[in-house]
């Protein structure tokens, strides 16, 4: 191999190393960039992770909004998880409570966490939860079943274009974090 070819190979290796480092850095930057994008555009329907005090809203009985409830779990997680009702029609400004059923299908204690999401994402700021099992991890004894409530209201200031809102929960098994 001559000197000119060796020099070209060194430059190519340097360029490739720079590209790899840049790609690695970009991968780390994606999470905060995605969060900023979601905050700006209302995508992803993230809800507040904390309870909000109940406020007396004026109930808008002239409007109906259908709230759908969807649940999911990882296929390998030994949890049964479902809403008591699949959907309900609500009036903005009125408080409602809906229960979710969860059961540990194992003979061991389990720790699980529900992660909520609202669709359409821009409606998330108007969907207010005053009580939710998703605010903290849930501990289940062996084969224990629970009814877990969610108390919510839809702020009457929500735009009239929103006729259906979907509240989705994904339940995750966090048993490895359980201190015995």
N, C-alpha and C. Protein backbone atom coordinates (compact mmCIF):
# COMPACT_ATOMS: atom_id res chain seq x y z
N UNK A 1 0.86 -1.16 0.00
CA UNK A 1 0.00 0.00 0.00
C UNK A 1 0.91 1.23 0.00
N UNK A 2 0.60 2.18 -0.88
CA UNK A 2 1.44 3.36 -0.96
C UNK A 2 1.03 4.41 0.08
N UNK A 3 1.82 5.44 0.22
CA UNK A 3 1.61 6.47 1.25
C UNK A 3 0.32 7.26 1.01
N UNK A 4 0.00 7.49 -0.26
CA UNK A 4 -1.21 8.25 -0.59
C UNK A 4 -2.47 7.48 -0.18
N UNK A 5 -2.51 6.20 -0.42
CA UNK A 5 -3.65 5.36 -0.03
C UNK A 5 -3.76 5.28 1.49
N UNK A 6 -2.63 5.17 2.16
CA UNK A 6 -2.65 5.12 3.63
C UNK A 6 -3.20 6.42 4.20
N UNK A 7 -2.82 7.54 3.62
CA UNK A 7 -3.31 8.85 4.07
C UNK A 7 -4.82 8.96 3.85
N UNK A 8 -5.31 8.50 2.71
CA UNK A 8 -6.75 8.53 2.42
C UNK A 8 -7.52 7.64 3.41
N UNK A 9 -6.96 6.49 3.73
CA UNK A 9 -7.61 5.59 4.70
C UNK A 9 -7.70 6.22 6.08
N UNK A 10 -6.65 6.92 6.52
CA UNK A 10 -6.66 7.59 7.82
C UNK A 10 -7.74 8.67 7.87
N UNK A 11 -7.85 9.45 6.79
CA UNK A 11 -8.90 10.49 6.74
C UNK A 11 -10.28 9.87 6.78
N UNK A 12 -10.45 8.77 6.05
CA UNK A 12 -11.75 8.08 6.05
C UNK A 12 -12.09 7.55 7.44
N UNK A 13 -11.13 6.96 8.12
CA UNK A 13 -11.36 6.44 9.48
C UNK A 13 -11.73 7.59 10.42
N UNK A 14 -11.03 8.73 10.33
CA UNK A 14 -11.35 9.89 11.17
C UNK A 14 -12.78 10.35 10.91
N UNK A 15 -13.16 10.45 9.65
CA UNK A 15 -14.53 10.89 9.31
C UNK A 15 -15.56 9.90 9.85
N UNK A 16 -15.28 8.62 9.71
CA UNK A 16 -16.23 7.61 10.21
C UNK A 16 -16.35 7.66 11.74
N UNK A 17 -15.24 7.87 12.44
CA UNK A 17 -15.27 7.99 13.90
C UNK A 17 -16.11 9.21 14.30
N UNK A 18 -15.93 10.32 13.59
CA UNK A 18 -16.71 11.53 13.88
C UNK A 18 -18.20 11.26 13.65
N UNK A 19 -18.53 10.57 12.57
CA UNK A 19 -19.93 10.25 12.28
C UNK A 19 -20.51 9.35 13.38
N UNK A 20 -19.76 8.36 13.82
CA UNK A 20 -20.24 7.46 14.87
C UNK A 20 -20.46 8.22 16.18
N UNK A 21 -19.52 9.07 16.56
CA UNK A 21 -19.65 9.86 17.80
C UNK A 21 -20.86 10.79 17.68
N UNK A 22 -21.04 11.43 16.52
CA UNK A 22 -22.18 12.33 16.32
C UNK A 22 -23.50 11.56 16.41
N UNK A 23 -23.57 10.37 15.82
CA UNK A 23 -24.79 9.56 15.88
C UNK A 23 -25.09 9.14 17.32
N UNK A 24 -24.07 8.76 18.05
CA UNK A 24 -24.24 8.37 19.46
C UNK A 24 -24.76 9.55 20.27
N UNK A 25 -24.19 10.73 20.09
CA UNK A 25 -24.64 11.93 20.79
C UNK A 25 -26.07 12.30 20.42
N UNK A 26 -26.40 12.18 19.14
CA UNK A 26 -27.75 12.48 18.69
C UNK A 26 -28.76 11.53 19.34
N UNK A 27 -28.37 10.26 19.48
CA UNK A 27 -29.25 9.29 20.14
C UNK A 27 -29.57 9.69 21.57
N UNK A 28 -28.59 10.19 22.30
CA UNK A 28 -28.83 10.66 23.66
C UNK A 28 -29.68 11.93 23.67
N UNK A 29 -29.53 12.78 22.68
CA UNK A 29 -30.26 14.03 22.64
C UNK A 29 -31.72 13.84 22.22
N UNK A 30 -32.07 12.70 21.65
CA UNK A 30 -33.43 12.49 21.15
C UNK A 30 -34.48 12.55 22.26
N UNK A 31 -34.20 12.01 23.42
CA UNK A 31 -35.21 11.98 24.49
C UNK A 31 -35.59 13.40 24.92
N UNK A 32 -34.62 14.26 25.30
CA UNK A 32 -35.03 15.62 25.66
C UNK A 32 -35.63 16.39 24.49
N UNK A 33 -35.12 16.17 23.28
CA UNK A 33 -35.70 16.83 22.11
C UNK A 33 -37.14 16.40 21.88
N UNK A 34 -37.41 15.11 22.07
CA UNK A 34 -38.77 14.60 21.92
C UNK A 34 -39.69 15.21 22.97
N UNK A 35 -39.23 15.32 24.22
CA UNK A 35 -40.03 15.94 25.27
C UNK A 35 -40.35 17.39 24.94
N UNK A 36 -39.38 18.13 24.43
CA UNK A 36 -39.62 19.53 24.05
C UNK A 36 -40.63 19.59 22.90
N UNK A 37 -40.45 18.73 21.91
CA UNK A 37 -41.38 18.69 20.78
C UNK A 37 -42.80 18.38 21.25
N UNK A 38 -42.94 17.42 22.17
CA UNK A 38 -44.26 17.06 22.69
C UNK A 38 -44.88 18.22 23.46
N UNK A 39 -44.07 18.93 24.24
CA UNK A 39 -44.57 20.09 24.99
C UNK A 39 -45.05 21.19 24.05
N UNK A 40 -44.31 21.42 22.98
CA UNK A 40 -44.66 22.48 22.04
C UNK A 40 -45.88 22.15 21.20
N UNK A 41 -46.00 20.89 20.79
CA UNK A 41 -47.07 20.51 19.87
C UNK A 41 -48.24 19.82 20.53
N UNK A 42 -48.09 19.38 21.78
CA UNK A 42 -49.17 18.65 22.43
C UNK A 42 -49.23 17.20 22.03
N UNK A 43 -48.20 16.71 21.34
CA UNK A 43 -48.18 15.31 20.94
C UNK A 43 -47.96 14.42 22.16
N UNK A 44 -48.30 13.17 22.04
CA UNK A 44 -48.05 12.12 23.03
C UNK A 44 -49.01 12.14 24.20
N UNK A 45 -49.81 13.16 24.38
CA UNK A 45 -50.85 13.18 25.39
C UNK A 45 -50.39 12.89 26.80
N UNK A 46 -49.26 13.42 27.20
CA UNK A 46 -48.79 13.20 28.56
C UNK A 46 -49.70 13.94 29.53
N UNK A 47 -50.07 13.26 30.59
CA UNK A 47 -50.90 13.88 31.61
C UNK A 47 -50.04 14.20 32.82
N UNK A 48 -50.59 15.02 33.68
CA UNK A 48 -49.89 15.36 34.91
C UNK A 48 -49.73 14.11 35.77
N UNK A 49 -48.59 13.97 36.39
CA UNK A 49 -48.33 12.82 37.24
C UNK A 49 -48.71 13.05 38.68
N UNK A 50 -49.50 14.09 38.95
CA UNK A 50 -49.88 14.42 40.31
C UNK A 50 -51.36 14.71 40.38
N UNK A 51 -51.93 14.46 41.56
CA UNK A 51 -53.33 14.76 41.80
C UNK A 51 -53.53 16.27 41.83
N UNK A 52 -54.66 16.70 41.36
CA UNK A 52 -55.03 18.11 41.37
C UNK A 52 -56.25 18.25 42.26
N UNK A 53 -56.31 19.32 43.03
CA UNK A 53 -57.46 19.56 43.90
C UNK A 53 -58.71 19.78 43.04
N UNK A 54 -59.84 19.33 43.55
CA UNK A 54 -61.09 19.52 42.81
C UNK A 54 -61.48 20.98 42.83
N UNK A 55 -61.84 21.48 41.67
CA UNK A 55 -62.30 22.85 41.49
C UNK A 55 -63.75 22.77 41.02
N UNK A 56 -64.57 23.66 41.52
CA UNK A 56 -65.97 23.68 41.10
C UNK A 56 -66.07 24.38 39.75
N UNK A 57 -66.22 23.57 38.69
CA UNK A 57 -66.41 24.12 37.35
C UNK A 57 -67.90 24.28 37.10
N UNK A 58 -68.22 25.14 36.16
CA UNK A 58 -69.60 25.21 35.71
C UNK A 58 -69.79 24.07 34.72
N UNK A 59 -70.75 23.19 35.00
CA UNK A 59 -70.97 22.01 34.16
C UNK A 59 -71.67 22.43 32.88
N UNK A 60 -71.11 22.02 31.76
CA UNK A 60 -71.66 22.33 30.45
C UNK A 60 -72.52 21.14 29.99
N UNK A 61 -73.80 21.16 30.35
CA UNK A 61 -74.69 20.05 30.00
C UNK A 61 -75.10 20.08 28.54
N UNK A 62 -74.76 21.15 27.83
CA UNK A 62 -75.10 21.22 26.41
C UNK A 62 -74.12 20.44 25.55
N UNK A 63 -73.00 20.01 26.14
CA UNK A 63 -71.98 19.29 25.38
C UNK A 63 -71.77 17.90 25.95
N UNK A 64 -71.53 16.95 25.07
CA UNK A 64 -71.17 15.59 25.46
C UNK A 64 -69.81 15.26 24.85
N UNK A 65 -68.97 14.63 25.67
CA UNK A 65 -67.68 14.14 25.18
C UNK A 65 -67.61 12.67 25.55
N UNK A 66 -67.27 11.84 24.60
CA UNK A 66 -67.10 10.41 24.86
C UNK A 66 -65.67 10.18 25.32
N UNK A 67 -65.53 9.54 26.48
CA UNK A 67 -64.21 9.19 26.99
C UNK A 67 -64.06 7.68 26.87
N UNK A 68 -63.06 7.25 26.13
CA UNK A 68 -62.78 5.83 25.94
C UNK A 68 -61.63 5.43 26.86
N UNK A 69 -61.69 4.21 27.38
CA UNK A 69 -60.65 3.71 28.27
C UNK A 69 -60.01 2.48 27.65
N UNK A 70 -58.69 2.53 27.48
CA UNK A 70 -57.95 1.44 26.87
C UNK A 70 -56.83 1.03 27.82
N UNK A 71 -56.61 -0.27 27.94
CA UNK A 71 -55.53 -0.76 28.79
C UNK A 71 -54.67 -1.75 28.02
N UNK A 72 -53.42 -1.83 28.43
CA UNK A 72 -52.53 -2.82 27.83
C UNK A 72 -51.45 -3.20 28.82
N UNK A 73 -50.95 -4.40 28.65
CA UNK A 73 -49.82 -4.90 29.43
C UNK A 73 -48.89 -5.63 28.48
N UNK A 74 -47.65 -5.76 28.87
CA UNK A 74 -46.70 -6.55 28.11
C UNK A 74 -47.18 -8.00 28.14
N UNK A 75 -47.11 -8.70 27.04
CA UNK A 75 -47.60 -10.09 26.98
C UNK A 75 -46.93 -11.01 27.98
N UNK A 76 -45.69 -10.71 28.35
CA UNK A 76 -45.00 -11.59 29.29
C UNK A 76 -45.25 -11.21 30.74
N UNK A 77 -45.85 -10.04 30.98
CA UNK A 77 -46.14 -9.64 32.36
C UNK A 77 -47.38 -10.39 32.85
N UNK A 78 -47.29 -11.00 34.03
CA UNK A 78 -48.39 -11.81 34.55
C UNK A 78 -49.45 -10.96 35.27
N UNK A 79 -50.02 -10.00 34.53
CA UNK A 79 -51.01 -9.08 35.09
C UNK A 79 -52.26 -9.11 34.22
N UNK A 80 -53.41 -9.15 34.86
CA UNK A 80 -54.68 -8.91 34.17
C UNK A 80 -55.04 -7.47 34.47
N UNK A 81 -55.39 -6.71 33.45
CA UNK A 81 -55.66 -5.28 33.64
C UNK A 81 -56.72 -4.84 32.64
N UNK A 82 -57.81 -4.23 33.15
CA UNK A 82 -58.88 -3.78 32.26
C UNK A 82 -59.73 -2.71 32.95
N UNK A 83 -60.40 -1.87 32.17
CA UNK A 83 -61.32 -0.90 32.76
C UNK A 83 -62.67 -1.58 33.06
N UNK A 84 -63.41 -1.06 34.04
CA UNK A 84 -64.75 -1.59 34.30
C UNK A 84 -65.70 -1.23 33.17
N UNK A 85 -65.50 -0.07 32.58
CA UNK A 85 -66.31 0.34 31.42
C UNK A 85 -65.35 0.72 30.30
N UNK A 86 -65.76 0.44 29.07
CA UNK A 86 -64.91 0.75 27.91
C UNK A 86 -65.01 2.22 27.49
N UNK A 87 -66.19 2.81 27.72
CA UNK A 87 -66.37 4.22 27.38
C UNK A 87 -67.53 4.79 28.16
N UNK A 88 -67.52 6.10 28.30
CA UNK A 88 -68.62 6.79 28.96
C UNK A 88 -68.78 8.17 28.32
N UNK A 89 -70.00 8.66 28.35
CA UNK A 89 -70.29 9.99 27.83
C UNK A 89 -70.34 10.94 29.02
N UNK A 90 -69.56 12.03 28.93
CA UNK A 90 -69.43 12.95 30.06
C UNK A 90 -69.74 14.38 29.62
N UNK A 91 -70.06 15.21 30.61
CA UNK A 91 -70.25 16.64 30.40
C UNK A 91 -69.00 17.36 30.91
N UNK A 92 -68.43 18.27 30.14
CA UNK A 92 -67.30 19.04 30.64
C UNK A 92 -67.68 19.78 31.93
N UNK A 93 -66.79 19.73 32.90
CA UNK A 93 -67.02 20.41 34.17
C UNK A 93 -67.57 19.51 35.26
N UNK A 94 -68.07 18.33 34.90
CA UNK A 94 -68.62 17.40 35.89
C UNK A 94 -67.57 16.34 36.23
N UNK A 95 -67.48 15.99 37.51
CA UNK A 95 -66.50 14.99 37.95
C UNK A 95 -67.08 13.59 37.79
N UNK A 96 -66.21 12.66 37.40
CA UNK A 96 -66.60 11.26 37.21
C UNK A 96 -65.53 10.37 37.84
N UNK A 97 -65.95 9.17 38.22
CA UNK A 97 -65.02 8.17 38.72
C UNK A 97 -65.22 6.90 37.92
N UNK A 98 -64.13 6.31 37.48
CA UNK A 98 -64.17 5.04 36.77
C UNK A 98 -63.15 4.13 37.44
N UNK A 99 -63.48 2.84 37.53
CA UNK A 99 -62.59 1.88 38.17
C UNK A 99 -61.89 1.01 37.14
N UNK A 100 -60.68 0.63 37.48
CA UNK A 100 -59.90 -0.30 36.67
C UNK A 100 -59.61 -1.52 37.53
N UNK A 101 -59.68 -2.68 36.91
CA UNK A 101 -59.43 -3.96 37.60
C UNK A 101 -58.03 -4.43 37.23
N UNK A 102 -57.28 -4.83 38.25
CA UNK A 102 -55.95 -5.40 38.01
C UNK A 102 -55.78 -6.60 38.92
N UNK A 103 -55.12 -7.63 38.41
CA UNK A 103 -54.88 -8.83 39.21
C UNK A 103 -53.48 -9.35 38.94
N UNK A 104 -52.78 -9.65 40.02
CA UNK A 104 -51.49 -10.32 39.96
C UNK A 104 -51.77 -11.79 39.71
N UNK A 105 -51.33 -12.31 38.61
CA UNK A 105 -51.61 -13.70 38.24
C UNK A 105 -50.52 -14.66 38.73
N UNK A 106 -49.64 -14.20 39.63
CA UNK A 106 -48.56 -15.06 40.10
C UNK A 106 -48.75 -15.40 41.58
N UNK A 107 -47.94 -16.30 42.07
CA UNK A 107 -47.98 -16.67 43.48
C UNK A 107 -46.93 -15.90 44.29
N UNK A 108 -46.44 -14.80 43.72
CA UNK A 108 -45.45 -13.96 44.40
C UNK A 108 -45.96 -12.53 44.44
N UNK A 109 -45.41 -11.75 45.38
CA UNK A 109 -45.75 -10.33 45.44
C UNK A 109 -45.26 -9.64 44.17
N UNK A 110 -45.96 -8.57 43.79
CA UNK A 110 -45.63 -7.88 42.55
C UNK A 110 -45.74 -6.37 42.76
N UNK A 111 -44.89 -5.64 42.10
CA UNK A 111 -44.93 -4.19 42.08
C UNK A 111 -45.18 -3.79 40.63
N UNK A 112 -46.17 -2.92 40.40
CA UNK A 112 -46.51 -2.54 39.03
C UNK A 112 -46.79 -1.05 38.97
N UNK A 113 -46.62 -0.47 37.79
CA UNK A 113 -46.85 0.95 37.58
C UNK A 113 -47.62 1.13 36.28
N UNK A 114 -48.66 1.97 36.33
CA UNK A 114 -49.44 2.30 35.14
C UNK A 114 -48.97 3.64 34.59
N UNK A 115 -48.76 3.69 33.29
CA UNK A 115 -48.35 4.92 32.62
C UNK A 115 -49.52 5.38 31.74
N UNK A 116 -50.04 6.60 31.99
CA UNK A 116 -51.20 7.08 31.22
C UNK A 116 -50.80 7.83 29.95
N UNK A 117 -51.75 7.91 29.04
CA UNK A 117 -51.59 8.68 27.82
C UNK A 117 -52.98 9.13 27.38
N UNK A 118 -53.06 10.33 26.84
CA UNK A 118 -54.33 10.89 26.37
C UNK A 118 -54.23 11.11 24.87
N UNK A 119 -55.31 10.80 24.17
CA UNK A 119 -55.37 11.06 22.74
C UNK A 119 -56.71 11.71 22.43
N UNK A 120 -56.79 12.75 21.67
CA UNK A 120 -55.68 13.46 21.03
C UNK A 120 -54.83 14.19 22.06
N UNK A 121 -53.56 14.30 21.76
CA UNK A 121 -52.59 14.84 22.71
C UNK A 121 -52.90 16.25 23.19
N UNK A 122 -53.48 17.09 22.33
CA UNK A 122 -53.77 18.46 22.73
C UNK A 122 -54.88 18.53 23.77
N UNK A 123 -55.67 17.47 23.92
CA UNK A 123 -56.73 17.44 24.92
C UNK A 123 -56.20 17.12 26.31
N UNK A 124 -54.95 16.69 26.41
CA UNK A 124 -54.38 16.26 27.69
C UNK A 124 -54.41 17.37 28.74
N UNK A 125 -54.20 18.60 28.32
CA UNK A 125 -54.18 19.68 29.31
C UNK A 125 -55.57 19.97 29.89
N UNK A 126 -56.61 19.49 29.25
CA UNK A 126 -57.98 19.70 29.73
C UNK A 126 -58.52 18.50 30.51
N UNK A 127 -57.83 17.38 30.43
CA UNK A 127 -58.23 16.16 31.14
C UNK A 127 -57.53 16.18 32.50
N UNK A 128 -58.28 16.43 33.56
CA UNK A 128 -57.71 16.66 34.88
C UNK A 128 -58.08 15.50 35.80
N UNK A 129 -57.05 14.87 36.38
CA UNK A 129 -57.27 13.76 37.31
C UNK A 129 -57.03 14.23 38.73
N UNK A 130 -58.02 13.99 39.60
CA UNK A 130 -57.88 14.34 41.01
C UNK A 130 -57.46 13.13 41.83
N UNK A 131 -57.67 11.95 41.28
CA UNK A 131 -57.28 10.71 41.95
C UNK A 131 -56.96 9.70 40.85
N UNK A 132 -55.83 9.00 41.01
CA UNK A 132 -55.46 8.00 40.00
C UNK A 132 -54.45 7.03 40.57
N UNK A 133 -54.66 5.76 40.30
CA UNK A 133 -53.70 4.73 40.70
C UNK A 133 -52.37 4.89 39.98
N UNK A 134 -52.38 5.67 38.91
CA UNK A 134 -51.16 5.87 38.12
C UNK A 134 -50.18 6.83 38.78
N UNK A 135 -50.60 7.52 39.84
CA UNK A 135 -49.71 8.47 40.50
C UNK A 135 -48.60 7.78 41.28
N UNK A 136 -48.76 6.51 41.57
CA UNK A 136 -47.72 5.79 42.33
C UNK A 136 -47.71 4.32 41.91
N UNK A 137 -46.64 3.63 42.29
CA UNK A 137 -46.55 2.20 42.01
C UNK A 137 -47.56 1.46 42.88
N UNK A 138 -48.07 0.37 42.35
CA UNK A 138 -49.05 -0.45 43.06
C UNK A 138 -48.40 -1.76 43.49
N UNK A 139 -48.59 -2.11 44.77
CA UNK A 139 -48.07 -3.36 45.29
C UNK A 139 -49.21 -4.37 45.34
N UNK A 140 -48.96 -5.55 44.80
CA UNK A 140 -49.94 -6.63 44.81
C UNK A 140 -49.37 -7.81 45.57
N UNK A 141 -50.20 -8.40 46.43
CA UNK A 141 -49.81 -9.66 47.07
C UNK A 141 -50.01 -10.78 46.05
N UNK A 142 -49.59 -11.97 46.38
CA UNK A 142 -49.76 -13.12 45.49
C UNK A 142 -51.24 -13.28 45.13
N UNK A 143 -51.54 -13.37 43.85
CA UNK A 143 -52.89 -13.58 43.32
C UNK A 143 -53.90 -12.52 43.76
N UNK A 144 -53.43 -11.36 44.18
CA UNK A 144 -54.33 -10.29 44.64
C UNK A 144 -54.94 -9.55 43.46
N UNK A 145 -56.23 -9.24 43.61
CA UNK A 145 -56.94 -8.43 42.63
C UNK A 145 -57.36 -7.12 43.30
N UNK A 146 -57.38 -6.05 42.54
CA UNK A 146 -57.76 -4.74 43.07
C UNK A 146 -58.65 -4.00 42.09
N UNK A 147 -59.54 -3.20 42.64
CA UNK A 147 -60.26 -2.19 41.87
C UNK A 147 -59.58 -0.87 42.18
N UNK A 148 -59.15 -0.19 41.14
CA UNK A 148 -58.39 1.04 41.33
C UNK A 148 -59.13 2.19 40.64
N UNK A 149 -59.49 3.23 41.40
CA UNK A 149 -60.27 4.33 40.83
C UNK A 149 -59.44 5.41 40.14
N UNK A 150 -60.08 6.04 39.18
CA UNK A 150 -59.57 7.26 38.56
C UNK A 150 -60.72 8.25 38.63
N UNK A 151 -60.47 9.39 39.27
CA UNK A 151 -61.47 10.45 39.34
C UNK A 151 -60.98 11.58 38.45
N UNK A 152 -61.84 12.04 37.56
CA UNK A 152 -61.41 13.02 36.57
C UNK A 152 -62.52 14.00 36.23
N UNK A 153 -62.12 15.07 35.61
CA UNK A 153 -63.03 16.06 35.05
C UNK A 153 -62.40 16.58 33.77
N UNK A 154 -63.22 16.98 32.84
CA UNK A 154 -62.73 17.63 31.63
C UNK A 154 -63.03 19.11 31.78
N UNK A 155 -61.99 19.91 31.73
CA UNK A 155 -62.14 21.36 31.87
C UNK A 155 -63.09 21.86 30.79
N UNK A 156 -64.13 22.62 31.18
CA UNK A 156 -65.11 23.10 30.19
C UNK A 156 -64.52 24.03 29.13
N UNK A 157 -63.30 24.50 29.33
CA UNK A 157 -62.66 25.36 28.33
C UNK A 157 -62.13 24.58 27.13
N UNK A 158 -62.28 23.27 27.15
CA UNK A 158 -61.81 22.45 26.03
C UNK A 158 -62.54 22.86 24.75
N UNK A 159 -61.82 22.87 23.66
CA UNK A 159 -62.40 23.26 22.37
C UNK A 159 -63.54 22.34 21.98
N UNK A 160 -64.54 22.90 21.32
CA UNK A 160 -65.73 22.15 20.92
C UNK A 160 -65.41 21.04 19.91
N UNK A 161 -64.28 21.12 19.24
CA UNK A 161 -63.94 20.10 18.23
C UNK A 161 -63.65 18.73 18.85
N UNK A 162 -63.38 18.70 20.16
CA UNK A 162 -63.06 17.43 20.82
C UNK A 162 -64.36 16.73 21.20
N UNK A 163 -64.67 15.68 20.48
CA UNK A 163 -65.89 14.90 20.74
C UNK A 163 -65.56 13.58 21.44
N UNK A 164 -64.34 13.08 21.23
CA UNK A 164 -63.90 11.81 21.83
C UNK A 164 -62.48 11.99 22.35
N UNK A 165 -62.28 11.54 23.59
CA UNK A 165 -60.95 11.55 24.20
C UNK A 165 -60.67 10.12 24.65
N UNK A 166 -59.47 9.64 24.39
CA UNK A 166 -59.09 8.30 24.79
C UNK A 166 -58.05 8.38 25.90
N UNK A 167 -58.35 7.72 27.03
CA UNK A 167 -57.41 7.60 28.14
C UNK A 167 -56.86 6.18 28.08
N UNK A 168 -55.58 6.07 27.81
CA UNK A 168 -54.94 4.75 27.69
C UNK A 168 -53.94 4.57 28.81
N UNK A 169 -53.92 3.38 29.38
CA UNK A 169 -52.94 3.03 30.42
C UNK A 169 -52.17 1.80 29.96
N UNK A 170 -50.88 1.84 30.17
CA UNK A 170 -50.05 0.66 29.99
C UNK A 170 -49.49 0.30 31.35
N UNK A 171 -49.71 -0.94 31.77
CA UNK A 171 -49.28 -1.40 33.09
C UNK A 171 -47.97 -2.16 32.92
N UNK A 172 -46.99 -1.80 33.73
CA UNK A 172 -45.67 -2.42 33.66
C UNK A 172 -45.35 -3.13 34.97
N UNK A 173 -44.76 -4.30 34.87
CA UNK A 173 -44.31 -5.05 36.03
C UNK A 173 -42.95 -4.50 36.46
N UNK A 174 -42.91 -3.94 37.68
CA UNK A 174 -41.66 -3.39 38.24
C UNK A 174 -41.20 -4.21 39.44
N UNK A 175 -41.50 -5.49 39.45
CA UNK A 175 -41.23 -6.34 40.61
C UNK A 175 -39.75 -6.34 40.98
N UNK A 176 -38.85 -6.18 40.02
CA UNK A 176 -37.43 -6.19 40.36
C UNK A 176 -37.09 -5.04 41.30
N UNK A 177 -37.94 -4.00 41.40
CA UNK A 177 -37.72 -2.87 42.31
C UNK A 177 -38.38 -3.08 43.67
N UNK A 178 -39.05 -4.22 43.84
CA UNK A 178 -39.75 -4.50 45.09
C UNK A 178 -38.75 -4.92 46.16
N UNK A 179 -38.74 -4.19 47.28
CA UNK A 179 -37.86 -4.58 48.40
C UNK A 179 -38.64 -5.50 49.31
N UNK A 180 -38.11 -6.66 49.51
CA UNK A 180 -38.79 -7.70 50.28
C UNK A 180 -38.66 -7.46 51.75
